[in-house]
Each structure stands twice: as structure tokens, then as C-alpha cells.
Amino acid sequence: MEIKKRTNENNFFEQVYEVVKLIPCGKVTTYGEIAKFLSRPKCARQVGWALHNNQSPIVVPCHRVVFADGSLSPAFAFGGENKQRQLLACEGVTFNENKVNMDKHFYRFV
């Protein structure tokens, strides 16, 4: 699927949602990776805002987006950090202590 990269701020959240839909089950990516893919490398925080406002968490699997070090979001909008961990674990994502095993599960967009 090709994502149309537009600079219009009104479309940024929708672009984020389309990118997040591309993350395969059992994989995770980072806020920064999404921002970089959308040619907005300094907008990782805005990616987080978009995901926090996600109106379709079943369609847009925002639980697959984590911090660069593999840690989970304490402000995960759909049930908190424990819920995010539970959703990822159900998909087979493994953890090293409290962080996702990024060596095994990191998804990079090409």
C-alpha cells in the first residue's frame, strides 16, 4: 500500500493511521519511525497525539507503536500500559523485562 505523503496538517493524523495499519501482527514500530516515514522526522510527538486521538483502535492498531527503547506508553489511550502489553503479548510479541524485544519485533517501513 502506498501512502500519499502530504504536508497539509489536516491530513497528518489520517496519514499516521494509514501507516499504523501497515504494521504486521506481532511487530512494533516507533513514533519516530512513523514520523520519519511520513517525511516529518521531528514530529514523533505529533504521531503520539494522533494515536491518542485514534477513534478506531480495532482498525488502527495503535498498540503496535512503542517508544524507541521498546518501552510502552504509560498513557496508552485504550486501557493503559498493561493493556498495551497484553495486546502485544497476544500477538506473540516478547519482552525483555518491561520493554519489547526490539531486535526480534521491530518493524521498519521501506
N, C-alpha and C. Protein backbone atom coordinates (compact mmCIF):
# COMPACT_ATOMS: atom_id res chain seq x y z
N MET A 1 0.84 -1.18 0.00
CA MET A 1 0.00 0.00 0.00
C MET A 1 0.88 1.24 0.00
N GLU A 2 0.60 2.15 -0.89
CA GLU A 2 1.37 3.39 -0.96
C GLU A 2 0.63 4.47 -0.17
N ILE A 3 1.36 5.15 0.70
CA ILE A 3 0.79 6.23 1.49
C ILE A 3 1.12 7.53 0.79
N LYS A 4 0.11 8.31 0.51
CA LYS A 4 0.34 9.62 -0.09
C LYS A 4 0.83 10.56 0.99
N LYS A 5 2.04 11.05 0.83
CA LYS A 5 2.64 11.93 1.82
C LYS A 5 2.31 13.37 1.46
N ARG A 6 1.43 13.94 2.25
CA ARG A 6 1.02 15.32 2.04
C ARG A 6 1.48 16.17 3.20
N THR A 7 1.71 17.43 2.95
CA THR A 7 2.17 18.31 4.01
C THR A 7 1.03 19.02 4.71
N ASN A 8 -0.18 18.91 4.24
CA ASN A 8 -1.33 19.55 4.85
C ASN A 8 -1.53 18.99 6.26
N GLU A 9 -1.48 19.87 7.26
CA GLU A 9 -1.59 19.45 8.66
C GLU A 9 -2.91 18.75 8.94
N ASN A 10 -3.98 19.12 8.25
CA ASN A 10 -5.28 18.50 8.48
C ASN A 10 -5.27 17.01 8.14
N ASN A 11 -4.38 16.60 7.27
CA ASN A 11 -4.32 15.20 6.86
C ASN A 11 -3.30 14.38 7.64
N PHE A 12 -2.51 15.02 8.49
CA PHE A 12 -1.43 14.32 9.17
C PHE A 12 -1.94 13.14 10.01
N PHE A 13 -2.97 13.35 10.81
CA PHE A 13 -3.50 12.26 11.63
C PHE A 13 -3.96 11.09 10.76
N GLU A 14 -4.64 11.39 9.68
CA GLU A 14 -5.10 10.32 8.78
C GLU A 14 -3.92 9.58 8.16
N GLN A 15 -2.87 10.29 7.82
CA GLN A 15 -1.67 9.66 7.28
C GLN A 15 -1.07 8.72 8.32
N VAL A 16 -1.00 9.17 9.56
CA VAL A 16 -0.49 8.33 10.64
C VAL A 16 -1.31 7.05 10.75
N TYR A 17 -2.62 7.18 10.72
CA TYR A 17 -3.48 6.00 10.85
C TYR A 17 -3.25 5.01 9.70
N GLU A 18 -3.08 5.52 8.49
CA GLU A 18 -2.83 4.64 7.35
C GLU A 18 -1.50 3.90 7.50
N VAL A 19 -0.50 4.57 8.01
CA VAL A 19 0.81 3.94 8.22
C VAL A 19 0.72 2.88 9.31
N VAL A 20 0.05 3.18 10.40
CA VAL A 20 -0.07 2.22 11.51
C VAL A 20 -0.78 0.95 11.05
N LYS A 21 -1.71 1.07 10.14
CA LYS A 21 -2.41 -0.11 9.62
C LYS A 21 -1.46 -1.06 8.90
N LEU A 22 -0.30 -0.58 8.48
CA LEU A 22 0.67 -1.40 7.76
C LEU A 22 1.54 -2.27 8.68
N ILE A 23 1.53 -1.99 9.97
CA ILE A 23 2.38 -2.74 10.91
C ILE A 23 1.80 -4.13 11.07
N PRO A 24 2.58 -5.16 10.74
CA PRO A 24 2.05 -6.53 10.82
C PRO A 24 1.81 -6.97 12.27
N CYS A 25 0.91 -7.88 12.42
CA CYS A 25 0.66 -8.51 13.71
C CYS A 25 1.97 -9.14 14.21
N GLY A 26 2.28 -8.95 15.49
CA GLY A 26 3.50 -9.50 16.06
C GLY A 26 4.71 -8.61 15.89
N LYS A 27 4.51 -7.43 15.31
CA LYS A 27 5.60 -6.46 15.12
C LYS A 27 5.23 -5.14 15.78
N VAL A 28 6.23 -4.33 16.04
CA VAL A 28 6.02 -2.99 16.57
C VAL A 28 6.90 -2.02 15.82
N THR A 29 6.53 -0.77 15.87
CA THR A 29 7.40 0.29 15.35
C THR A 29 7.36 1.43 16.35
N THR A 30 8.05 2.50 16.04
CA THR A 30 8.15 3.61 16.98
C THR A 30 7.47 4.86 16.42
N TYR A 31 7.19 5.78 17.33
CA TYR A 31 6.62 7.06 16.93
C TYR A 31 7.55 7.76 15.94
N GLY A 32 8.84 7.72 16.24
CA GLY A 32 9.84 8.35 15.38
C GLY A 32 9.94 7.71 14.02
N GLU A 33 9.82 6.41 13.95
CA GLU A 33 9.88 5.69 12.67
C GLU A 33 8.70 6.10 11.78
N ILE A 34 7.54 6.24 12.38
CA ILE A 34 6.36 6.68 11.62
C ILE A 34 6.57 8.11 11.12
N ALA A 35 7.05 8.98 11.99
CA ALA A 35 7.30 10.37 11.60
C ALA A 35 8.31 10.43 10.45
N LYS A 36 9.37 9.64 10.56
CA LYS A 36 10.39 9.62 9.51
C LYS A 36 9.80 9.11 8.19
N PHE A 37 8.99 8.08 8.25
CA PHE A 37 8.37 7.52 7.05
C PHE A 37 7.48 8.55 6.36
N LEU A 38 6.84 9.40 7.15
CA LEU A 38 5.96 10.44 6.61
C LEU A 38 6.72 11.72 6.24
N SER A 39 8.04 11.62 6.20
CA SER A 39 8.92 12.76 5.86
C SER A 39 8.74 13.93 6.83
N ARG A 40 8.46 13.61 8.08
CA ARG A 40 8.31 14.61 9.13
C ARG A 40 9.11 14.13 10.35
N PRO A 41 10.43 13.97 10.20
CA PRO A 41 11.24 13.31 11.23
C PRO A 41 11.22 13.96 12.61
N LYS A 42 10.82 15.19 12.71
CA LYS A 42 10.78 15.86 14.02
C LYS A 42 9.38 15.86 14.62
N CYS A 43 8.50 15.04 14.09
CA CYS A 43 7.09 15.05 14.51
C CYS A 43 6.67 13.79 15.27
N ALA A 44 7.59 13.13 15.95
CA ALA A 44 7.24 11.91 16.70
C ALA A 44 6.16 12.20 17.75
N ARG A 45 6.25 13.33 18.41
CA ARG A 45 5.27 13.68 19.43
C ARG A 45 3.87 13.86 18.81
N GLN A 46 3.83 14.43 17.62
CA GLN A 46 2.55 14.60 16.94
C GLN A 46 1.96 13.25 16.53
N VAL A 47 2.83 12.30 16.20
CA VAL A 47 2.35 10.94 15.92
C VAL A 47 1.66 10.40 17.17
N GLY A 48 2.26 10.62 18.32
CA GLY A 48 1.65 10.20 19.58
C GLY A 48 0.30 10.84 19.81
N TRP A 49 0.19 12.12 19.51
CA TRP A 49 -1.09 12.81 19.66
C TRP A 49 -2.14 12.19 18.74
N ALA A 50 -1.73 11.90 17.51
CA ALA A 50 -2.66 11.29 16.57
C ALA A 50 -3.17 9.96 17.11
N LEU A 51 -2.26 9.15 17.62
CA LEU A 51 -2.66 7.83 18.12
C LEU A 51 -3.51 7.94 19.37
N HIS A 52 -3.24 8.94 20.19
CA HIS A 52 -4.05 9.14 21.40
C HIS A 52 -5.48 9.52 21.02
N ASN A 53 -5.66 10.13 19.86
CA ASN A 53 -6.98 10.54 19.38
C ASN A 53 -7.61 9.55 18.42
N ASN A 54 -6.99 8.40 18.25
CA ASN A 54 -7.49 7.37 17.35
C ASN A 54 -8.91 6.97 17.73
N GLN A 55 -9.83 7.13 16.82
CA GLN A 55 -11.24 6.80 17.06
C GLN A 55 -11.58 5.35 16.70
N SER A 56 -10.64 4.63 16.10
CA SER A 56 -10.90 3.25 15.64
C SER A 56 -9.76 2.32 16.06
N PRO A 57 -9.61 2.06 17.36
CA PRO A 57 -8.46 1.27 17.82
C PRO A 57 -8.43 -0.17 17.30
N ILE A 58 -9.56 -0.70 16.87
CA ILE A 58 -9.56 -2.06 16.31
C ILE A 58 -9.04 -2.02 14.88
N VAL A 59 -9.39 -0.98 14.15
CA VAL A 59 -8.97 -0.84 12.75
C VAL A 59 -7.53 -0.32 12.66
N VAL A 60 -7.19 0.62 13.53
CA VAL A 60 -5.85 1.23 13.56
C VAL A 60 -5.15 0.69 14.81
N PRO A 61 -4.28 -0.31 14.66
CA PRO A 61 -3.68 -0.99 15.81
C PRO A 61 -2.57 -0.17 16.49
N CYS A 62 -2.99 0.89 17.15
CA CYS A 62 -2.01 1.80 17.76
C CYS A 62 -1.22 1.14 18.89
N HIS A 63 -1.67 0.01 19.39
CA HIS A 63 -0.90 -0.69 20.43
C HIS A 63 0.44 -1.20 19.89
N ARG A 64 0.61 -1.22 18.57
CA ARG A 64 1.86 -1.69 17.96
C ARG A 64 2.90 -0.58 17.84
N VAL A 65 2.65 0.57 18.42
CA VAL A 65 3.60 1.68 18.38
C VAL A 65 4.14 1.90 19.78
N VAL A 66 5.47 1.88 19.90
CA VAL A 66 6.14 1.99 21.19
C VAL A 66 7.24 3.06 21.12
N PHE A 67 7.84 3.34 22.26
CA PHE A 67 8.96 4.27 22.30
C PHE A 67 10.20 3.61 21.67
N ALA A 68 11.17 4.42 21.30
CA ALA A 68 12.37 3.93 20.59
C ALA A 68 13.13 2.86 21.38
N ASP A 69 13.08 2.93 22.70
CA ASP A 69 13.80 1.94 23.50
C ASP A 69 12.98 0.68 23.76
N GLY A 70 11.77 0.61 23.18
CA GLY A 70 10.92 -0.55 23.36
C GLY A 70 9.95 -0.44 24.52
N SER A 71 10.00 0.65 25.25
CA SER A 71 9.08 0.79 26.38
C SER A 71 7.69 1.16 25.89
N LEU A 72 6.73 0.83 26.71
CA LEU A 72 5.32 1.06 26.37
C LEU A 72 4.87 2.41 26.88
N SER A 73 3.77 2.87 26.35
CA SER A 73 3.26 4.18 26.73
C SER A 73 2.45 4.09 28.02
N PRO A 74 2.86 4.80 29.07
CA PRO A 74 2.06 4.79 30.28
C PRO A 74 0.71 5.47 30.07
N ALA A 75 0.60 6.26 29.01
CA ALA A 75 -0.65 6.96 28.70
C ALA A 75 -1.40 6.29 27.55
N PHE A 76 -1.17 5.00 27.34
CA PHE A 76 -1.86 4.29 26.26
C PHE A 76 -3.36 4.55 26.42
N ALA A 77 -3.95 5.12 25.40
CA ALA A 77 -5.31 5.66 25.48
C ALA A 77 -6.40 4.60 25.63
N PHE A 78 -6.09 3.36 25.42
CA PHE A 78 -7.13 2.34 25.40
C PHE A 78 -6.95 1.32 26.51
N GLY A 79 -6.61 1.80 27.71
CA GLY A 79 -6.52 0.90 28.85
C GLY A 79 -5.20 0.94 29.58
N GLY A 80 -4.29 1.81 29.19
CA GLY A 80 -3.02 1.95 29.90
C GLY A 80 -1.95 0.99 29.42
N GLU A 81 -0.80 1.13 30.05
CA GLU A 81 0.39 0.37 29.69
C GLU A 81 0.18 -1.14 29.79
N ASN A 82 -0.52 -1.59 30.84
CA ASN A 82 -0.75 -3.03 30.99
C ASN A 82 -1.61 -3.59 29.87
N LYS A 83 -2.59 -2.82 29.43
CA LYS A 83 -3.45 -3.27 28.32
C LYS A 83 -2.63 -3.35 27.03
N GLN A 84 -1.77 -2.37 26.79
CA GLN A 84 -0.92 -2.39 25.59
C GLN A 84 -0.03 -3.63 25.62
N ARG A 85 0.55 -3.93 26.75
CA ARG A 85 1.41 -5.11 26.87
C ARG A 85 0.60 -6.38 26.61
N GLN A 86 -0.60 -6.44 27.16
CA GLN A 86 -1.46 -7.61 26.97
C GLN A 86 -1.80 -7.80 25.48
N LEU A 87 -2.15 -6.72 24.80
CA LEU A 87 -2.48 -6.82 23.37
C LEU A 87 -1.28 -7.30 22.56
N LEU A 88 -0.10 -6.77 22.87
CA LEU A 88 1.11 -7.19 22.15
C LEU A 88 1.45 -8.65 22.45
N ALA A 89 1.35 -9.03 23.70
CA ALA A 89 1.66 -10.41 24.08
C ALA A 89 0.72 -11.39 23.36
N CYS A 90 -0.54 -11.01 23.19
CA CYS A 90 -1.50 -11.87 22.47
C CYS A 90 -1.09 -12.07 21.01
N GLU A 91 -0.30 -11.14 20.48
CA GLU A 91 0.18 -11.24 19.11
C GLU A 91 1.54 -11.94 19.03
N GLY A 92 2.06 -12.38 20.16
CA GLY A 92 3.34 -13.09 20.17
C GLY A 92 4.55 -12.21 20.40
N VAL A 93 4.34 -10.94 20.70
CA VAL A 93 5.46 -10.03 20.97
C VAL A 93 6.06 -10.41 22.32
N THR A 94 7.39 -10.50 22.36
CA THR A 94 8.09 -10.86 23.60
C THR A 94 8.75 -9.63 24.20
N PHE A 95 9.06 -9.74 25.48
CA PHE A 95 9.60 -8.62 26.24
C PHE A 95 10.88 -9.01 26.95
N ASN A 96 11.75 -8.03 27.11
CA ASN A 96 12.93 -8.13 27.95
C ASN A 96 12.64 -7.21 29.14
N GLU A 97 12.26 -7.83 30.24
CA GLU A 97 11.80 -7.07 31.41
C GLU A 97 10.55 -6.29 31.03
N ASN A 98 10.58 -4.97 31.04
CA ASN A 98 9.39 -4.17 30.74
C ASN A 98 9.41 -3.55 29.36
N LYS A 99 10.29 -4.02 28.49
CA LYS A 99 10.41 -3.43 27.15
C LYS A 99 10.26 -4.51 26.09
N VAL A 100 9.71 -4.10 24.95
CA VAL A 100 9.57 -5.01 23.82
C VAL A 100 10.96 -5.42 23.34
N ASN A 101 11.11 -6.67 22.97
CA ASN A 101 12.34 -7.17 22.38
C ASN A 101 12.42 -6.59 20.96
N MET A 102 13.05 -5.42 20.86
CA MET A 102 13.08 -4.70 19.58
C MET A 102 13.92 -5.43 18.53
N ASP A 103 14.93 -6.18 18.94
CA ASP A 103 15.74 -6.93 17.99
C ASP A 103 14.88 -7.94 17.23
N LYS A 104 13.89 -8.47 17.88
CA LYS A 104 13.04 -9.51 17.29
C LYS A 104 11.77 -8.95 16.63
N HIS A 105 11.22 -7.88 17.17
CA HIS A 105 9.88 -7.46 16.74
C HIS A 105 9.81 -6.09 16.05
N PHE A 106 10.92 -5.39 15.92
CA PHE A 106 10.88 -4.05 15.31
C PHE A 106 10.54 -4.14 13.82
N TYR A 107 9.60 -3.30 13.41
CA TYR A 107 9.19 -3.24 12.00
C TYR A 107 9.63 -1.89 11.42
N ARG A 108 10.43 -1.95 10.38
CA ARG A 108 10.91 -0.74 9.69
C ARG A 108 10.19 -0.65 8.36
N PHE A 109 9.66 0.52 8.08
CA PHE A 109 9.00 0.75 6.79
C PHE A 109 10.04 0.91 5.70
N VAL A 110 9.74 0.37 4.54
CA VAL A 110 10.67 0.51 3.40
C VAL A 110 10.05 1.31 2.30
